[in-house]
Amino acid sequence: MLSRRHIRVKVMQVLYAFKGTESDDFVKDQKFLLYSIDNMYNLYLLLISLMIEVQKRAENHLTKTQNKHLATKEEKNPNRKFLNNEVLQMLKNNEQLQAKFEAHNIRNWELDNEYVELIFRAILNSDIYKTYLETRTSNFKEDKEFLIDVFKEIIAPNEKLYDYLEDKNLTWLDDLPTVNTAILKLLRKVKPNSDQFHFLPKLYKDLDDKQFAIDLFRKTLLNQTALNKEIENKTTNWDADRIALLDKVLLRMGVSELKNFPSIPTKVTINEYLEISKEYSTPKSSIFINGILDKLVKDYQESGKLNKVGRGLM
């Protein structure tokens, strides 16, 4: 679920907030980095649980409508297609998923059920829902496509839900696009015979990714002085005070990655920091960062300091 780029963003955020020097204790900062990454999984579980709670709300709504004193014929015999949606049922009856909710204490919607109501009403009033209920029967494929559309068009872009998540955890705003993409990918790939672990993806692709986060953070922080010196040698025509602090952080990370991660191609490193700078820094930052990193790569190649392993990594 977690991409290397998102790991770099997480490391960048912690390094940007760090106010000490390389000789200071940064154990708490490293713990916060790992907590911030791990907490991304809570966001994933929270959004999955929201879909389940909306289905429960629909069931409650249907029961109340049926039991009305003067219920119409249609209300007494409602279309149960949404309630019987096979993918929603798969989520609702997933014991492994329920265990994860318990383990991570995902109970937000018990207290903040107005957001369940908000999403439920948005679905009810949507053309997606009206089209879906034009028939009373469906198959797994139709159920899946309906849920994908609901998540993509109603849940993911909901501004009030976005504000709620921001209030709950500020770091979730950067995680949201990654989590939403992961959920859509899982919905698209689910099959009638998918096992209970289908909706329990790994946070890290492998242990190397977690170690990459720790190593990038530590190697950048522990070598600030040396990294700053190398960057300063290539920015003699720039007023140091006018270089954005975030650009300095990204440059330190970029240089650290070029020197300390032999299996990562130089082009990948440079491109990753250019893309991050476009999203998080100033409009001209990417040009500046590209220029400095490109100069340093040429110097390292000429002096034999670019220690890259494998073909095509230069």
C-alpha atoms as a PDB file:
ATOM      1  CA  MET A   1       0.000   0.000   0.000  1.00  0.00           C
ATOM      2  CA  LEU A   2       2.806   2.372   0.911  1.00  0.00           C
ATOM      3  CA  SER A   3       4.959   3.614  -1.975  1.00  0.00           C
ATOM      4  CA  ARG A   4       8.597   4.664  -1.691  1.00  0.00           C
ATOM      5  CA  ARG A   5       7.583   8.202  -2.652  1.00  0.00           C
ATOM      6  CA  HIS A   6       5.162   8.381   0.246  1.00  0.00           C
ATOM      7  CA  ILE A   7       7.891   7.095   2.562  1.00  0.00           C
ATOM      8  CA  ARG A   8      10.111   9.935   1.356  1.00  0.00           C
ATOM      9  CA  VAL A   9       7.313  12.438   2.054  1.00  0.00           C
ATOM     10  CA  LYS A  10       6.944  11.091   5.608  1.00  0.00           C
ATOM     11  CA  VAL A  11      10.693  11.355   6.197  1.00  0.00           C
ATOM     12  CA  MET A  12      10.698  14.874   4.727  1.00  0.00           C
ATOM     13  CA  GLN A  13       7.951  16.003   7.106  1.00  0.00           C
ATOM     14  CA  VAL A  14       9.781  14.768  10.201  1.00  0.00           C
ATOM     15  CA  LEU A  15      13.130  16.211   9.074  1.00  0.00           C
ATOM     16  CA  TYR A  16      11.453  19.539   8.300  1.00  0.00           C
ATOM     17  CA  ALA A  17      10.020  19.667  11.828  1.00  0.00           C
ATOM     18  CA  PHE A  18      13.306  18.618  13.475  1.00  0.00           C
ATOM     19  CA  LYS A  19      14.964  21.643  15.090  1.00  0.00           C
ATOM     20  CA  GLY A  20      18.052  20.017  16.596  1.00  0.00           C
ATOM     21  CA  THR A  21      21.473  19.100  15.244  1.00  0.00           C
ATOM     22  CA  GLU A  22      23.007  15.763  14.293  1.00  0.00           C
ATOM     23  CA  SER A  23      24.436  15.412  17.813  1.00  0.00           C
ATOM     24  CA  ASP A  24      21.019  15.698  19.490  1.00  0.00           C
ATOM     25  CA  ASP A  25      18.862  12.771  20.549  1.00  0.00           C
ATOM     26  CA  PHE A  26      16.335  12.055  17.806  1.00  0.00           C
ATOM     27  CA  VAL A  27      14.822   8.824  19.152  1.00  0.00           C
ATOM     28  CA  LYS A  28      11.452  10.515  19.664  1.00  0.00           C
ATOM     29  CA  ASP A  29      11.503  11.862  16.109  1.00  0.00           C
ATOM     30  CA  GLN A  30      12.249   8.436  14.670  1.00  0.00           C
ATOM     31  CA  LYS A  31       9.421   6.957  16.751  1.00  0.00           C
ATOM     32  CA  PHE A  32       7.094   9.660  15.461  1.00  0.00           C
ATOM     33  CA  LEU A  33       8.126   8.860  11.883  1.00  0.00           C
ATOM     34  CA  LEU A  34       7.224   5.192  12.304  1.00  0.00           C
ATOM     35  CA  TYR A  35       4.037   6.079  14.199  1.00  0.00           C
ATOM     36  CA  SER A  36       3.002   8.456  11.426  1.00  0.00           C
ATOM     37  CA  ILE A  37       3.522   5.723   8.829  1.00  0.00           C
ATOM     38  CA  ASP A  38       1.762   3.047  10.908  1.00  0.00           C
ATOM     39  CA  ASN A  39      -1.157   5.396  11.583  1.00  0.00           C
ATOM     40  CA  MET A  40      -1.834   5.453   7.860  1.00  0.00           C
ATOM     41  CA  TYR A  41      -3.244   1.942   8.282  1.00  0.00           C
ATOM     42  CA  ASN A  42      -5.794   3.293  10.767  1.00  0.00           C
ATOM     43  CA  LEU A  43      -7.018   5.667   8.089  1.00  0.00           C
ATOM     44  CA  TYR A  44      -7.408   2.739   5.702  1.00  0.00           C
ATOM     45  CA  LEU A  45      -9.402   0.745   8.269  1.00  0.00           C
ATOM     46  CA  LEU A  46     -11.511   3.778   9.124  1.00  0.00           C
ATOM     47  CA  LEU A  47     -12.636   4.249   5.504  1.00  0.00           C
ATOM     48  CA  ILE A  48     -13.310   0.538   5.023  1.00  0.00           C
ATOM     49  CA  SER A  49     -15.386   0.515   8.226  1.00  0.00           C
ATOM     50  CA  LEU A  50     -17.320   3.549   6.974  1.00  0.00           C
ATOM     51  CA  MET A  51     -18.612   1.550   4.008  1.00  0.00           C
ATOM     52  CA  ILE A  52     -19.755  -1.210   6.355  1.00  0.00           C
ATOM     53  CA  GLU A  53     -21.506   1.269   8.646  1.00  0.00           C
ATOM     54  CA  VAL A  54     -23.277   2.881   5.696  1.00  0.00           C
ATOM     55  CA  GLN A  55     -24.610  -0.544   4.691  1.00  0.00           C
ATOM     56  CA  LYS A  56     -25.865  -1.053   8.267  1.00  0.00           C
ATOM     57  CA  ARG A  57     -27.501   2.378   8.168  1.00  0.00           C
ATOM     58  CA  ALA A  58     -29.261   1.407   4.931  1.00  0.00           C
ATOM     59  CA  GLU A  59     -30.572  -1.740   6.578  1.00  0.00           C
ATOM     60  CA  ASN A  60     -31.906   0.244   9.533  1.00  0.00           C
ATOM     61  CA  HIS A  61     -33.533   2.734   7.160  1.00  0.00           C
ATOM     62  CA  LEU A  62     -35.269  -0.043   5.245  1.00  0.00           C
ATOM     63  CA  THR A  63     -36.575  -1.691   8.414  1.00  0.00           C
ATOM     64  CA  LYS A  64     -38.037   1.574   9.681  1.00  0.00           C
ATOM     65  CA  THR A  65     -39.649   2.274   6.309  1.00  0.00           C
ATOM     66  CA  GLN A  66     -41.252  -1.177   6.216  1.00  0.00           C
ATOM     67  CA  ASN A  67     -42.687  -0.737   9.706  1.00  0.00           C
ATOM     68  CA  LYS A  68     -44.292   2.632   9.010  1.00  0.00           C
ATOM     69  CA  HIS A  69     -47.959   2.752  10.031  1.00  0.00           C
ATOM     70  CA  LEU A  70     -49.089   3.676   6.535  1.00  0.00           C
ATOM     71  CA  ALA A  71     -46.319   2.091   4.496  1.00  0.00           C
ATOM     72  CA  THR A  72     -46.936   1.876   0.774  1.00  0.00           C
ATOM     73  CA  LYS A  73     -46.811  -1.380  -1.158  1.00  0.00           C
ATOM     74  CA  GLU A  74     -43.345  -0.464  -2.446  1.00  0.00           C
ATOM     75  CA  GLU A  75     -42.152   0.404   1.073  1.00  0.00           C
ATOM     76  CA  LYS A  76     -43.406  -2.927   2.406  1.00  0.00           C
ATOM     77  CA  ASN A  77     -41.559  -4.768  -0.345  1.00  0.00           C
ATOM     78  CA  PRO A  78     -38.434  -2.622  -0.887  1.00  0.00           C
ATOM     79  CA  ASN A  79     -35.573  -3.167  -3.275  1.00  0.00           C
ATOM     80  CA  ARG A  80     -32.890  -4.825  -1.122  1.00  0.00           C
ATOM     81  CA  LYS A  81     -30.188  -4.685  -3.764  1.00  0.00           C
ATOM     82  CA  PHE A  82     -27.948  -2.291  -1.822  1.00  0.00           C
ATOM     83  CA  LEU A  83     -28.296  -4.320   1.378  1.00  0.00           C
ATOM     84  CA  ASN A  84     -27.510  -7.541  -0.450  1.00  0.00           C
ATOM     85  CA  ASN A  85     -24.546  -6.094  -2.343  1.00  0.00           C
ATOM     86  CA  GLU A  86     -22.114  -9.007  -2.389  1.00  0.00           C
ATOM     87  CA  VAL A  87     -18.980  -6.921  -1.874  1.00  0.00           C
ATOM     88  CA  LEU A  88     -20.497  -5.046   1.077  1.00  0.00           C
ATOM     89  CA  GLN A  89     -21.604  -8.368   2.551  1.00  0.00           C
ATOM     90  CA  MET A  90     -18.087  -9.673   2.035  1.00  0.00           C
ATOM     91  CA  LEU A  91     -16.708  -6.724   4.026  1.00  0.00           C
ATOM     92  CA  LYS A  92     -19.375  -6.936   6.719  1.00  0.00           C
ATOM     93  CA  ASN A  93     -18.883 -10.673   7.317  1.00  0.00           C
ATOM     94  CA  ASN A  94     -15.087 -10.625   7.185  1.00  0.00           C
ATOM     95  CA  GLU A  95     -13.944 -11.898  10.593  1.00  0.00           C
ATOM     96  CA  GLN A  96     -10.291 -11.016   9.949  1.00  0.00           C
ATOM     97  CA  LEU A  97     -11.292  -7.451   9.130  1.00  0.00           C
ATOM     98  CA  GLN A  98     -13.462  -7.212  12.248  1.00  0.00           C
ATOM     99  CA  ALA A  99     -10.519  -8.425  14.335  1.00  0.00           C
ATOM    100  CA  LYS A 100      -8.354  -5.668  12.824  1.00  0.00           C
ATOM    101  CA  PHE A 101     -10.975  -3.058  13.705  1.00  0.00           C
ATOM    102  CA  GLU A 102     -10.856  -4.297  17.303  1.00  0.00           C
ATOM    103  CA  ALA A 103      -7.057  -4.434  17.415  1.00  0.00           C
ATOM    104  CA  HIS A 104      -6.758  -0.884  16.077  1.00  0.00           C
ATOM    105  CA  ASN A 105      -9.702   0.407  18.128  1.00  0.00           C
ATOM    106  CA  ILE A 106     -11.637   1.606  15.070  1.00  0.00           C
ATOM    107  CA  ARG A 107     -14.852   2.822  16.705  1.00  0.00           C
ATOM    108  CA  ASN A 108     -15.099   6.349  15.302  1.00  0.00           C
ATOM    109  CA  TRP A 109     -18.490   5.914  13.680  1.00  0.00           C
ATOM    110  CA  GLU A 110     -20.150   4.949  16.976  1.00  0.00           C
ATOM    111  CA  LEU A 111     -19.540   8.480  18.252  1.00  0.00           C
ATOM    112  CA  ASP A 112     -19.420  10.350  14.951  1.00  0.00           C
ATOM    113  CA  ASN A 113     -22.359   8.635  13.257  1.00  0.00           C
ATOM    114  CA  GLU A 114     -23.479  11.879  11.635  1.00  0.00           C
ATOM    115  CA  TYR A 115     -20.826  11.207   8.987  1.00  0.00           C
ATOM    116  CA  VAL A 116     -22.320   7.787   8.313  1.00  0.00           C
ATOM    117  CA  GLU A 117     -25.667   9.541   7.851  1.00  0.00           C
ATOM    118  CA  LEU A 118     -24.032  12.150   5.615  1.00  0.00           C
ATOM    119  CA  ILE A 119     -22.554   9.563   3.257  1.00  0.00           C
ATOM    120  CA  PHE A 120     -25.714   7.433   3.337  1.00  0.00           C
ATOM    121  CA  ARG A 121     -27.880  10.400   2.287  1.00  0.00           C
ATOM    122  CA  ALA A 122     -25.406  11.366  -0.434  1.00  0.00           C
ATOM    123  CA  ILE A 123     -25.605   7.837  -1.845  1.00  0.00           C
ATOM    124  CA  LEU A 124     -29.402   7.795  -1.597  1.00  0.00           C
ATOM    125  CA  ASN A 125     -29.673  11.036  -3.589  1.00  0.00           C
ATOM    126  CA  SER A 126     -27.132  10.086  -6.248  1.00  0.00           C
ATOM    127  CA  ASP A 127     -27.761   9.028  -9.825  1.00  0.00           C
ATOM    128  CA  ILE A 128     -25.372   6.135  -9.190  1.00  0.00           C
ATOM    129  CA  TYR A 129     -27.795   4.710  -6.621  1.00  0.00           C
ATOM    130  CA  LYS A 130     -30.911   5.390  -8.706  1.00  0.00           C
ATOM    131  CA  THR A 131     -29.413   3.631 -11.721  1.00  0.00           C
ATOM    132  CA  TYR A 132     -28.290   0.714  -9.564  1.00  0.00           C
ATOM    133  CA  LEU A 133     -31.815   0.245  -8.181  1.00  0.00           C
ATOM    134  CA  GLU A 134     -33.494   0.181 -11.576  1.00  0.00           C
ATOM    135  CA  THR A 135     -33.455  -3.611 -11.243  1.00  0.00           C
ATOM    136  CA  ARG A 136     -33.932  -5.824  -8.201  1.00  0.00           C
ATOM    137  CA  THR A 137     -31.256  -8.375  -8.981  1.00  0.00           C
ATOM    138  CA  SER A 138     -27.562  -8.070  -9.676  1.00  0.00           C
ATOM    139  CA  ASN A 139     -24.390 -10.107  -9.990  1.00  0.00           C
ATOM    140  CA  PHE A 140     -20.999  -9.744  -8.317  1.00  0.00           C
ATOM    141  CA  LYS A 141     -19.586  -7.653 -11.168  1.00  0.00           C
ATOM    142  CA  GLU A 142     -22.411  -5.104 -11.004  1.00  0.00           C
ATOM    143  CA  ASP A 143     -22.214  -4.954  -7.199  1.00  0.00           C
ATOM    144  CA  LYS A 144     -18.486  -4.344  -7.390  1.00  0.00           C
ATOM    145  CA  GLU A 145     -18.757  -1.623 -10.041  1.00  0.00           C
ATOM    146  CA  PHE A 146     -21.469   0.116  -8.028  1.00  0.00           C
ATOM    147  CA  LEU A 147     -19.311   0.178  -4.896  1.00  0.00           C
ATOM    148  CA  ILE A 148     -16.297   1.419  -6.862  1.00  0.00           C
ATOM    149  CA  ASP A 149     -18.404   4.306  -8.237  1.00  0.00           C
ATOM    150  CA  VAL A 150     -19.777   5.095  -4.769  1.00  0.00           C
ATOM    151  CA  PHE A 151     -16.315   5.242  -3.246  1.00  0.00           C
ATOM    152  CA  LYS A 152     -14.782   7.173  -6.144  1.00  0.00           C
ATOM    153  CA  GLU A 153     -17.609   9.660  -6.729  1.00  0.00           C
ATOM    154  CA  ILE A 154     -19.211  10.065  -3.280  1.00  0.00           C
ATOM    155  CA  ILE A 155     -16.975   8.984  -0.399  1.00  0.00           C
ATOM    156  CA  ALA A 156     -13.456   9.976  -1.540  1.00  0.00           C
ATOM    157  CA  PRO A 157     -14.296  13.560  -2.667  1.00  0.00           C
ATOM    158  CA  ASN A 158     -16.666  14.394   0.239  1.00  0.00           C
ATOM    159  CA  GLU A 159     -15.454  17.702   1.692  1.00  0.00           C
ATOM    160  CA  LYS A 160     -17.103  17.290   5.113  1.00  0.00           C
ATOM    161  CA  LEU A 161     -15.521  13.873   5.515  1.00  0.00           C
ATOM    162  CA  TYR A 162     -12.197  15.401   4.433  1.00  0.00           C
ATOM    163  CA  ASP A 163     -12.531  18.090   7.148  1.00  0.00           C
ATOM    164  CA  TYR A 164     -13.386  15.440   9.717  1.00  0.00           C
ATOM    165  CA  LEU A 165     -10.271  13.419   8.872  1.00  0.00           C
ATOM    166  CA  GLU A 166      -8.142  16.568   9.031  1.00  0.00           C
ATOM    167  CA  ASP A 167      -9.458  17.305  12.526  1.00  0.00           C
ATOM    168  CA  LYS A 168      -8.754  13.760  13.661  1.00  0.00           C
ATOM    169  CA  ASN A 169      -5.201  13.587  12.371  1.00  0.00           C
ATOM    170  CA  LEU A 170      -3.354  16.219  10.365  1.00  0.00           C
ATOM    171  CA  THR A 171      -0.933  13.716   8.791  1.00  0.00           C
ATOM    172  CA  TRP A 172      -3.878  11.851   7.247  1.00  0.00           C
ATOM    173  CA  LEU A 173      -4.327  14.556   4.619  1.00  0.00           C
ATOM    174  CA  ASP A 174      -1.110  13.492   2.908  1.00  0.00           C
ATOM    175  CA  ASP A 175      -2.045   9.838   3.350  1.00  0.00           C
ATOM    176  CA  LEU A 176      -5.554  10.150   1.933  1.00  0.00           C
ATOM    177  CA  PRO A 177      -4.716   9.959  -1.813  1.00  0.00           C
ATOM    178  CA  THR A 178      -2.556   6.867  -1.241  1.00  0.00           C
ATOM    179  CA  VAL A 179      -5.196   5.171   0.923  1.00  0.00           C
ATOM    180  CA  ASN A 180      -8.029   6.010  -1.492  1.00  0.00           C
ATOM    181  CA  THR A 181      -6.004   4.590  -4.388  1.00  0.00           C
ATOM    182  CA  ALA A 182      -5.290   1.423  -2.400  1.00  0.00           C
ATOM    183  CA  ILE A 183      -8.977   0.925  -1.580  1.00  0.00           C
ATOM    184  CA  LEU A 184     -10.033   1.389  -5.205  1.00  0.00           C
ATOM    185  CA  LYS A 185      -7.352  -1.049  -6.342  1.00  0.00           C
ATOM    186  CA  LEU A 186      -8.575  -3.680  -3.866  1.00  0.00           C
ATOM    187  CA  LEU A 187     -12.202  -3.135  -4.896  1.00  0.00           C
ATOM    188  CA  ARG A 188     -11.307  -3.543  -8.557  1.00  0.00           C
ATOM    189  CA  LYS A 189      -9.368  -6.756  -7.898  1.00  0.00           C
ATOM    190  CA  VAL A 190     -11.822  -8.449  -5.531  1.00  0.00           C
ATOM    191  CA  LYS A 191     -13.457 -11.664  -6.750  1.00  0.00           C
ATOM    192  CA  PRO A 192     -16.299 -13.794  -5.393  1.00  0.00           C
ATOM    193  CA  ASN A 193     -13.741 -16.313  -4.128  1.00  0.00           C
ATOM    194  CA  SER A 194     -11.284 -13.789  -2.650  1.00  0.00           C
ATOM    195  CA  ASP A 195     -10.134 -14.819   0.820  1.00  0.00           C
ATOM    196  CA  GLN A 196     -10.606 -12.842   4.040  1.00  0.00           C
ATOM    197  CA  PHE A 197      -7.149 -11.309   3.765  1.00  0.00           C
ATOM    198  CA  HIS A 198      -7.874  -9.589   0.443  1.00  0.00           C
ATOM    199  CA  PHE A 199      -8.953  -6.407   2.249  1.00  0.00           C
ATOM    200  CA  LEU A 200      -6.031  -6.585   4.689  1.00  0.00           C
ATOM    201  CA  PRO A 201      -3.116  -5.379   2.559  1.00  0.00           C
ATOM    202  CA  LYS A 202       0.373  -4.998   3.977  1.00  0.00           C
ATOM    203  CA  LEU A 203       1.329  -1.452   4.910  1.00  0.00           C
ATOM    204  CA  TYR A 204       4.892  -1.948   3.669  1.00  0.00           C
ATOM    205  CA  LYS A 205       5.539  -3.901   0.489  1.00  0.00           C
ATOM    206  CA  ASP A 206       8.356  -5.673   2.358  1.00  0.00           C
ATOM    207  CA  LEU A 207      10.725  -5.207   5.304  1.00  0.00           C
ATOM    208  CA  ASP A 208      13.180  -3.374   3.032  1.00  0.00           C
ATOM    209  CA  ASP A 209      10.727  -0.488   2.690  1.00  0.00           C
ATOM    210  CA  LYS A 210      10.463  -0.022   6.457  1.00  0.00           C
ATOM    211  CA  GLN A 211      14.240  -0.146   6.763  1.00  0.00           C
ATOM    212  CA  PHE A 212      14.500   2.356   3.896  1.00  0.00           C
ATOM    213  CA  ALA A 213      12.391   4.832   5.909  1.00  0.00           C
ATOM    214  CA  ILE A 214      14.581   4.423   8.998  1.00  0.00           C
ATOM    215  CA  ASP A 215      17.880   4.525   7.082  1.00  0.00           C
ATOM    216  CA  LEU A 216      16.934   7.561   4.986  1.00  0.00           C
ATOM    217  CA  PHE A 217      15.889   9.438   8.115  1.00  0.00           C
ATOM    218  CA  ARG A 218      18.980   8.505  10.141  1.00  0.00           C
ATOM    219  CA  LYS A 219      21.584   8.874   7.384  1.00  0.00           C
ATOM    220  CA  THR A 220      20.219  12.300   6.438  1.00  0.00           C
ATOM    221  CA  LEU A 221      20.020  13.517  10.024  1.00  0.00           C
ATOM    222  CA  LEU A 222      23.366  12.140  11.187  1.00  0.00           C
ATOM    223  CA  ASN A 223      25.233  13.712   8.249  1.00  0.00           C
ATOM    224  CA  GLN A 224      23.614  17.156   8.136  1.00  0.00           C
ATOM    225  CA  THR A 225      26.900  19.073   8.374  1.00  0.00           C
ATOM    226  CA  ALA A 226      28.620  17.146   5.588  1.00  0.00           C
ATOM    227  CA  LEU A 227      25.534  17.205   3.379  1.00  0.00           C
ATOM    228  CA  ASN A 228      25.087  20.954   3.880  1.00  0.00           C
ATOM    229  CA  LYS A 229      28.719  21.519   2.908  1.00  0.00           C
ATOM    230  CA  GLU A 230      28.320  19.576  -0.344  1.00  0.00           C
ATOM    231  CA  ILE A 231      25.137  21.469  -1.200  1.00  0.00           C
ATOM    232  CA  GLU A 232      26.710  24.851  -0.331  1.00  0.00           C
ATOM    233  CA  ASN A 233      29.566  24.152  -2.739  1.00  0.00           C
ATOM    234  CA  LYS A 234      27.006  23.926  -5.548  1.00  0.00           C
ATOM    235  CA  THR A 235      24.924  26.939  -4.472  1.00  0.00           C
ATOM    236  CA  THR A 236      27.617  29.621  -4.238  1.00  0.00           C
ATOM    237  CA  ASN A 237      25.594  31.894  -6.527  1.00  0.00           C
ATOM    238  CA  TRP A 238      22.500  31.536  -4.348  1.00  0.00           C
ATOM    239  CA  ASP A 239      21.709  33.560  -1.256  1.00  0.00           C
ATOM    240  CA  ALA A 240      21.484  30.854   1.424  1.00  0.00           C
ATOM    241  CA  ASP A 241      18.748  32.724   3.304  1.00  0.00           C
ATOM    242  CA  ARG A 242      16.579  32.777   0.201  1.00  0.00           C
ATOM    243  CA  ILE A 243      16.675  29.012  -0.335  1.00  0.00           C
ATOM    244  CA  ALA A 244      13.440  27.574   1.012  1.00  0.00           C
ATOM    245  CA  LEU A 245      13.941  25.437   4.122  1.00  0.00           C
ATOM    246  CA  LEU A 246      11.967  22.622   2.538  1.00  0.00           C
ATOM    247  CA  ASP A 247      14.258  22.694  -0.507  1.00  0.00           C
ATOM    248  CA  LYS A 248      17.261  22.333   1.807  1.00  0.00           C
ATOM    249  CA  VAL A 249      15.640  19.322   3.456  1.00  0.00           C
ATOM    250  CA  LEU A 250      14.843  17.723   0.080  1.00  0.00           C
ATOM    251  CA  LEU A 251      18.379  18.362  -1.168  1.00  0.00           C
ATOM    252  CA  ARG A 252      19.910  16.793   1.953  1.00  0.00           C
ATOM    253  CA  MET A 253      17.661  13.762   1.505  1.00  0.00           C
ATOM    254  CA  GLY A 254      18.473  13.566  -2.201  1.00  0.00           C
ATOM    255  CA  VAL A 255      22.239  13.707  -1.657  1.00  0.00           C
ATOM    256  CA  SER A 256      22.002  11.214   1.200  1.00  0.00           C
ATOM    257  CA  GLU A 257      20.047   8.831  -1.020  1.00  0.00           C
ATOM    258  CA  LEU A 258      22.499   9.191  -3.908  1.00  0.00           C
ATOM    259  CA  LYS A 259      25.428   8.340  -1.651  1.00  0.00           C
ATOM    260  CA  ASN A 260      23.995   5.744   0.718  1.00  0.00           C
ATOM    261  CA  PHE A 261      21.535   3.655  -1.283  1.00  0.00           C
ATOM    262  CA  PRO A 262      23.501   1.847  -4.002  1.00  0.00           C
ATOM    263  CA  SER A 263      20.520  -0.129  -5.330  1.00  0.00           C
ATOM    264  CA  ILE A 264      18.400   2.964  -6.147  1.00  0.00           C
ATOM    265  CA  PRO A 265      19.088   4.397  -9.649  1.00  0.00           C
ATOM    266  CA  THR A 266      20.196   8.024  -9.715  1.00  0.00           C
ATOM    267  CA  LYS A 267      17.396   8.929 -12.148  1.00  0.00           C
ATOM    268  CA  VAL A 268      14.812   7.510  -9.747  1.00  0.00           C
ATOM    269  CA  THR A 269      16.217   9.521  -6.830  1.00  0.00           C
ATOM    270  CA  ILE A 270      16.287  12.786  -8.776  1.00  0.00           C
ATOM    271  CA  ASN A 271      12.829  12.300 -10.284  1.00  0.00           C
ATOM    272  CA  GLU A 272      11.296  11.420  -6.916  1.00  0.00           C
ATOM    273  CA  TYR A 273      12.563  14.605  -5.233  1.00  0.00           C
ATOM    274  CA  LEU A 274      11.548  16.727  -8.206  1.00  0.00           C
ATOM    275  CA  GLU A 275       7.992  15.398  -7.979  1.00  0.00           C
ATOM    276  CA  ILE A 276       7.849  15.890  -4.207  1.00  0.00           C
ATOM    277  CA  SER A 277       9.115  19.470  -4.548  1.00  0.00           C
ATOM    278  CA  LYS A 278       6.444  20.233  -7.169  1.00  0.00           C
ATOM    279  CA  GLU A 279       3.756  19.156  -4.734  1.00  0.00           C
ATOM    280  CA  TYR A 280       5.114  20.576  -1.485  1.00  0.00           C
ATOM    281  CA  SER A 281       7.493  23.449  -2.227  1.00  0.00           C
ATOM    282  CA  THR A 282       7.668  26.567  -4.402  1.00  0.00           C
ATOM    283  CA  PRO A 283       6.928  26.681  -8.177  1.00  0.00           C
ATOM    284  CA  LYS A 284      10.638  27.017  -9.028  1.00  0.00           C
ATOM    285  CA  SER A 285      11.923  24.483  -6.490  1.00  0.00           C
ATOM    286  CA  SER A 286      11.987  21.540  -8.880  1.00  0.00           C
ATOM    287  CA  ILE A 287      14.249  23.401 -11.334  1.00  0.00           C
ATOM    288  CA  PHE A 288      16.594  24.413  -8.511  1.00  0.00           C
ATOM    289  CA  ILE A 289      16.740  20.918  -6.960  1.00  0.00           C
ATOM    290  CA  ASN A 290      17.217  19.264 -10.362  1.00  0.00           C
ATOM    291  CA  GLY A 291      20.156  21.559 -11.136  1.00  0.00           C
ATOM    292  CA  ILE A 292      21.954  20.938  -7.833  1.00  0.00           C
ATOM    293  CA  LEU A 293      21.458  17.171  -7.786  1.00  0.00           C
ATOM    294  CA  ASP A 294      22.483  16.884 -11.434  1.00  0.00           C
ATOM    295  CA  LYS A 295      25.751  18.760 -10.737  1.00  0.00           C
ATOM    296  CA  LEU A 296      26.500  16.549  -7.738  1.00  0.00           C
ATOM    297  CA  VAL A 297      25.840  13.356  -9.697  1.00  0.00           C
ATOM    298  CA  LYS A 298      28.326  14.451 -12.397  1.00  0.00           C
ATOM    299  CA  ASP A 299      30.934  15.217  -9.713  1.00  0.00           C
ATOM    300  CA  TYR A 300      30.409  11.850  -8.027  1.00  0.00           C
ATOM    301  CA  GLN A 301      30.704  10.039 -11.360  1.00  0.00           C
ATOM    302  CA  GLU A 302      33.948  11.824 -12.228  1.00  0.00           C
ATOM    303  CA  SER A 303      35.473  11.178  -8.796  1.00  0.00           C
ATOM    304  CA  GLY A 304      34.190   7.596  -8.560  1.00  0.00           C
ATOM    305  CA  LYS A 305      32.113   8.351  -5.458  1.00  0.00           C
ATOM    306  CA  LEU A 306      28.820   7.217  -6.967  1.00  0.00           C
ATOM    307  CA  ASN A 307      28.631   3.704  -5.574  1.00  0.00           C
ATOM    308  CA  LYS A 308      25.764   2.130  -7.531  1.00  0.00           C
ATOM    309  CA  VAL A 309      25.274  -1.625  -7.808  1.00  0.00           C
ATOM    310  CA  GLY A 310      23.645  -3.262 -10.823  1.00  0.00           C
ATOM    311  CA  ARG A 311      23.209  -2.406 -14.482  1.00  0.00           C
ATOM    312  CA  GLY A 312      21.546   0.828 -15.560  1.00  0.00           C
ATOM    313  CA  LEU A 313      21.676   2.445 -12.116  1.00  0.00           C
ATOM    314  CA  MET A 314      23.865   5.384 -13.021  1.00  0.00           C
END
